[in-house]
Amino acid sequence: MTVKALYDYKYPASDRAEIFGTDQLLYVHWLGNPLFCSAACFRAPQAMSFADFVAEMVHPWAASDPDFDPASISGWQLFDEVFDPGDGSKSLKDLGVGHKALLKFTTD
């Protein structure tokens, strides 16, 4: 449902990029898992490698599902586009993963 303000709304969003400095917010959604019906939000440094982000942030979160196997992660998407992080050594920023981006993955 949309909401129409009855006055000019002049308050800046409290989650805008400049507040986080060299960090950023990233949303991660495990597609098809009924335990995680929506994306989780992580605060991560822009310079963090994709492999470190997955190992240090995504794996511990996903491990709350007892059936999670880190080796089964596949099918990464950035928003709705196929996303190939390569070997994972590039930083989130270098891969084009920006503030408040939505990363999605599936498992085999």
Foldseek 3Di string as FASTA:
>chain_A
DDDDDPDDDDDDDPQDDVVLPQKAKEWEAAPPDPVGPGTDIDIGGQQDFQVCCCVVPVVVVVVVPVPDDSVFKDQKDWQNHGADSDPRGGGCVVSVNGHHIYIYIYGD
